[in-house]
Amino acid sequence: MVRFGFNVGKADKVASAELANMIMKRARISDFMIGNIDVEDRESIVEVHKDVALKVINAMKGADLKGKKVEITPVKRK
């Protein structure tokens, strides 16, 4: 799995299901390609299968969720 940081979170009233649905729709991937989703106050961490990581990055370009432009960045493991 590859971890990505998204600049939306609880402060934006975003739920993990909304984030997962947006990723599945835009990247055209199935739900089993998405792992854990951790929605924090100002950001969210989403795990996706390594085989679709580049597809997710490309699909999220220009995306918005609840009126906020979504930015995605890779997150390194601790």
N, C-alpha and C. Protein backbone atom coordinates (compact mmCIF):
# COMPACT_ATOMS: atom_id res chain seq x y z
N MET A 1 0.84 -1.19 0.00
CA MET A 1 0.00 0.00 0.00
C MET A 1 0.89 1.25 0.00
N VAL A 2 0.37 2.29 -0.63
CA VAL A 2 1.03 3.58 -0.69
C VAL A 2 0.15 4.58 0.05
N ARG A 3 0.77 5.43 0.84
CA ARG A 3 0.00 6.41 1.62
C ARG A 3 0.06 7.79 0.97
N PHE A 4 -1.10 8.44 0.91
CA PHE A 4 -1.20 9.79 0.37
C PHE A 4 -1.86 10.70 1.39
N GLY A 5 -1.42 11.94 1.42
CA GLY A 5 -2.05 12.95 2.26
C GLY A 5 -2.96 13.81 1.40
N PHE A 6 -4.15 14.06 1.90
CA PHE A 6 -5.11 14.93 1.22
C PHE A 6 -5.34 16.14 2.12
N ASN A 7 -5.49 17.31 1.54
CA ASN A 7 -5.64 18.55 2.31
C ASN A 7 -7.06 18.82 2.76
N VAL A 8 -7.86 17.80 2.92
CA VAL A 8 -9.23 17.95 3.44
C VAL A 8 -9.39 17.07 4.67
N GLY A 9 -10.22 17.53 5.60
CA GLY A 9 -10.40 16.76 6.83
C GLY A 9 -11.70 17.09 7.52
N LYS A 10 -11.73 16.82 8.82
CA LYS A 10 -12.94 17.04 9.61
C LYS A 10 -13.38 18.50 9.59
N ALA A 11 -12.43 19.43 9.56
CA ALA A 11 -12.78 20.85 9.53
C ALA A 11 -13.56 21.21 8.26
N ASP A 12 -13.36 20.42 7.20
CA ASP A 12 -14.09 20.63 5.95
C ASP A 12 -15.36 19.79 5.89
N LYS A 13 -15.67 19.12 7.01
CA LYS A 13 -16.84 18.25 7.11
C LYS A 13 -16.80 17.12 6.08
N VAL A 14 -15.61 16.52 5.94
CA VAL A 14 -15.40 15.41 5.01
C VAL A 14 -15.34 14.10 5.79
N ALA A 15 -16.09 13.12 5.34
CA ALA A 15 -16.08 11.79 5.94
C ALA A 15 -15.23 10.85 5.08
N SER A 16 -14.76 9.78 5.69
CA SER A 16 -13.92 8.83 4.97
C SER A 16 -14.66 8.22 3.77
N ALA A 17 -15.95 7.98 3.90
CA ALA A 17 -16.72 7.41 2.80
C ALA A 17 -16.77 8.36 1.60
N GLU A 18 -16.90 9.65 1.86
CA GLU A 18 -16.92 10.64 0.77
C GLU A 18 -15.58 10.65 0.04
N LEU A 19 -14.51 10.60 0.81
CA LEU A 19 -13.18 10.60 0.22
C LEU A 19 -12.96 9.34 -0.62
N ALA A 20 -13.35 8.20 -0.08
CA ALA A 20 -13.20 6.94 -0.81
C ALA A 20 -14.03 6.95 -2.10
N ASN A 21 -15.27 7.43 -2.02
CA ASN A 21 -16.12 7.48 -3.22
C ASN A 21 -15.54 8.39 -4.29
N MET A 22 -15.00 9.53 -3.87
CA MET A 22 -14.40 10.45 -4.84
C MET A 22 -13.21 9.79 -5.53
N ILE A 23 -12.36 9.12 -4.77
CA ILE A 23 -11.18 8.45 -5.35
C ILE A 23 -11.62 7.34 -6.30
N MET A 24 -12.58 6.52 -5.87
CA MET A 24 -13.04 5.41 -6.72
C MET A 24 -13.64 5.92 -8.03
N LYS A 25 -14.44 6.98 -7.95
CA LYS A 25 -15.08 7.52 -9.15
C LYS A 25 -14.07 8.15 -10.10
N ARG A 26 -13.23 9.03 -9.58
CA ARG A 26 -12.29 9.75 -10.43
C ARG A 26 -11.21 8.85 -11.01
N ALA A 27 -10.68 7.92 -10.20
CA ALA A 27 -9.61 7.04 -10.66
C ALA A 27 -10.13 5.76 -11.30
N ARG A 28 -11.45 5.54 -11.17
CA ARG A 28 -12.08 4.34 -11.72
C ARG A 28 -11.40 3.08 -11.18
N ILE A 29 -11.34 3.02 -9.86
CA ILE A 29 -10.79 1.84 -9.20
C ILE A 29 -11.86 1.25 -8.28
N SER A 30 -11.67 0.00 -7.90
CA SER A 30 -12.65 -0.63 -7.02
C SER A 30 -12.30 -0.37 -5.56
N ASP A 31 -13.25 -0.61 -4.70
CA ASP A 31 -13.07 -0.30 -3.28
C ASP A 31 -11.98 -1.12 -2.61
N PHE A 32 -11.70 -2.32 -3.11
CA PHE A 32 -10.67 -3.12 -2.46
C PHE A 32 -9.25 -2.62 -2.76
N MET A 33 -9.12 -1.63 -3.63
CA MET A 33 -7.81 -1.01 -3.90
C MET A 33 -7.50 0.10 -2.90
N ILE A 34 -8.48 0.43 -2.06
CA ILE A 34 -8.29 1.47 -1.05
C ILE A 34 -8.18 0.81 0.31
N GLY A 35 -7.17 1.22 1.06
CA GLY A 35 -6.96 0.66 2.40
C GLY A 35 -7.53 1.58 3.46
N ASN A 36 -6.77 1.79 4.51
CA ASN A 36 -7.21 2.63 5.63
C ASN A 36 -7.33 4.09 5.22
N ILE A 37 -8.33 4.75 5.78
CA ILE A 37 -8.50 6.19 5.59
C ILE A 37 -8.58 6.80 6.98
N ASP A 38 -7.67 7.71 7.26
CA ASP A 38 -7.63 8.39 8.56
C ASP A 38 -7.95 9.86 8.34
N VAL A 39 -9.15 10.27 8.72
CA VAL A 39 -9.57 11.67 8.54
C VAL A 39 -9.22 12.42 9.83
N GLU A 40 -8.33 13.40 9.70
CA GLU A 40 -7.92 14.21 10.83
C GLU A 40 -8.56 15.60 10.69
N ASP A 41 -8.18 16.53 11.56
CA ASP A 41 -8.81 17.85 11.53
C ASP A 41 -8.65 18.57 10.20
N ARG A 42 -7.44 18.71 9.72
CA ARG A 42 -7.19 19.51 8.51
C ARG A 42 -6.68 18.70 7.33
N GLU A 43 -6.43 17.41 7.54
CA GLU A 43 -5.93 16.57 6.45
C GLU A 43 -6.42 15.14 6.64
N SER A 44 -6.25 14.35 5.60
CA SER A 44 -6.62 12.94 5.65
C SER A 44 -5.50 12.12 5.05
N ILE A 45 -5.29 10.94 5.60
CA ILE A 45 -4.29 10.01 5.09
C ILE A 45 -5.05 8.82 4.49
N VAL A 46 -4.75 8.52 3.24
CA VAL A 46 -5.43 7.45 2.53
C VAL A 46 -4.40 6.47 1.98
N GLU A 47 -4.64 5.18 2.18
CA GLU A 47 -3.79 4.15 1.62
C GLU A 47 -4.45 3.58 0.37
N VAL A 48 -3.66 3.46 -0.70
CA VAL A 48 -4.15 2.83 -1.92
C VAL A 48 -3.15 1.77 -2.35
N HIS A 49 -3.63 0.79 -3.08
CA HIS A 49 -2.75 -0.28 -3.55
C HIS A 49 -1.69 0.31 -4.47
N LYS A 50 -0.47 -0.20 -4.37
CA LYS A 50 0.64 0.36 -5.15
C LYS A 50 0.42 0.29 -6.66
N ASP A 51 -0.37 -0.68 -7.13
CA ASP A 51 -0.61 -0.80 -8.57
C ASP A 51 -1.47 0.32 -9.14
N VAL A 52 -2.21 1.04 -8.29
CA VAL A 52 -3.08 2.11 -8.77
C VAL A 52 -2.64 3.49 -8.26
N ALA A 53 -1.50 3.56 -7.60
CA ALA A 53 -1.06 4.82 -6.99
C ALA A 53 -0.93 5.94 -8.03
N LEU A 54 -0.27 5.68 -9.13
CA LEU A 54 -0.10 6.71 -10.16
C LEU A 54 -1.44 7.11 -10.77
N LYS A 55 -2.31 6.15 -10.94
CA LYS A 55 -3.65 6.42 -11.47
C LYS A 55 -4.42 7.37 -10.54
N VAL A 56 -4.30 7.14 -9.24
CA VAL A 56 -4.97 8.00 -8.26
C VAL A 56 -4.39 9.41 -8.30
N ILE A 57 -3.07 9.53 -8.36
CA ILE A 57 -2.43 10.86 -8.43
C ILE A 57 -2.95 11.63 -9.64
N ASN A 58 -2.95 10.99 -10.79
CA ASN A 58 -3.40 11.66 -12.01
C ASN A 58 -4.89 11.99 -11.97
N ALA A 59 -5.69 11.12 -11.39
CA ALA A 59 -7.13 11.34 -11.33
C ALA A 59 -7.50 12.49 -10.40
N MET A 60 -6.69 12.76 -9.41
CA MET A 60 -7.02 13.79 -8.43
C MET A 60 -6.63 15.19 -8.87
N LYS A 61 -5.94 15.32 -9.99
CA LYS A 61 -5.58 16.64 -10.50
C LYS A 61 -6.84 17.42 -10.84
N GLY A 62 -6.97 18.60 -10.27
CA GLY A 62 -8.13 19.44 -10.53
C GLY A 62 -9.39 19.05 -9.78
N ALA A 63 -9.29 18.09 -8.88
CA ALA A 63 -10.47 17.63 -8.14
C ALA A 63 -10.85 18.62 -7.05
N ASP A 64 -12.14 18.67 -6.74
CA ASP A 64 -12.57 19.44 -5.59
C ASP A 64 -13.63 18.64 -4.84
N LEU A 65 -13.67 18.88 -3.54
CA LEU A 65 -14.61 18.18 -2.68
C LEU A 65 -15.23 19.21 -1.75
N LYS A 66 -16.54 19.33 -1.84
CA LYS A 66 -17.29 20.32 -1.05
C LYS A 66 -16.75 21.73 -1.26
N GLY A 67 -16.41 22.04 -2.50
CA GLY A 67 -15.96 23.38 -2.84
C GLY A 67 -14.51 23.68 -2.56
N LYS A 68 -13.75 22.72 -2.07
CA LYS A 68 -12.33 22.94 -1.77
C LYS A 68 -11.49 22.14 -2.75
N LYS A 69 -10.48 22.81 -3.33
CA LYS A 69 -9.57 22.14 -4.25
C LYS A 69 -8.78 21.10 -3.47
N VAL A 70 -8.78 19.88 -3.98
CA VAL A 70 -8.10 18.78 -3.30
C VAL A 70 -6.68 18.67 -3.81
N GLU A 71 -5.74 18.63 -2.87
CA GLU A 71 -4.33 18.43 -3.19
C GLU A 71 -3.88 17.13 -2.57
N ILE A 72 -3.07 16.38 -3.31
CA ILE A 72 -2.61 15.07 -2.85
C ILE A 72 -1.08 15.07 -2.83
N THR A 73 -0.53 14.52 -1.75
CA THR A 73 0.93 14.43 -1.62
C THR A 73 1.29 13.05 -1.05
N PRO A 74 2.40 12.48 -1.51
CA PRO A 74 2.83 11.19 -0.95
C PRO A 74 3.26 11.37 0.52
N VAL A 75 3.01 10.36 1.32
CA VAL A 75 3.38 10.39 2.74
C VAL A 75 4.37 9.26 2.99
N LYS A 76 5.51 9.59 3.58
CA LYS A 76 6.50 8.57 3.88
C LYS A 76 6.14 7.88 5.19
N ARG A 77 6.45 6.61 5.24
CA ARG A 77 6.21 5.84 6.47
C ARG A 77 7.20 6.28 7.53
N LYS A 78 6.77 6.18 8.79
CA LYS A 78 7.64 6.57 9.90
C LYS A 78 8.62 5.47 10.23
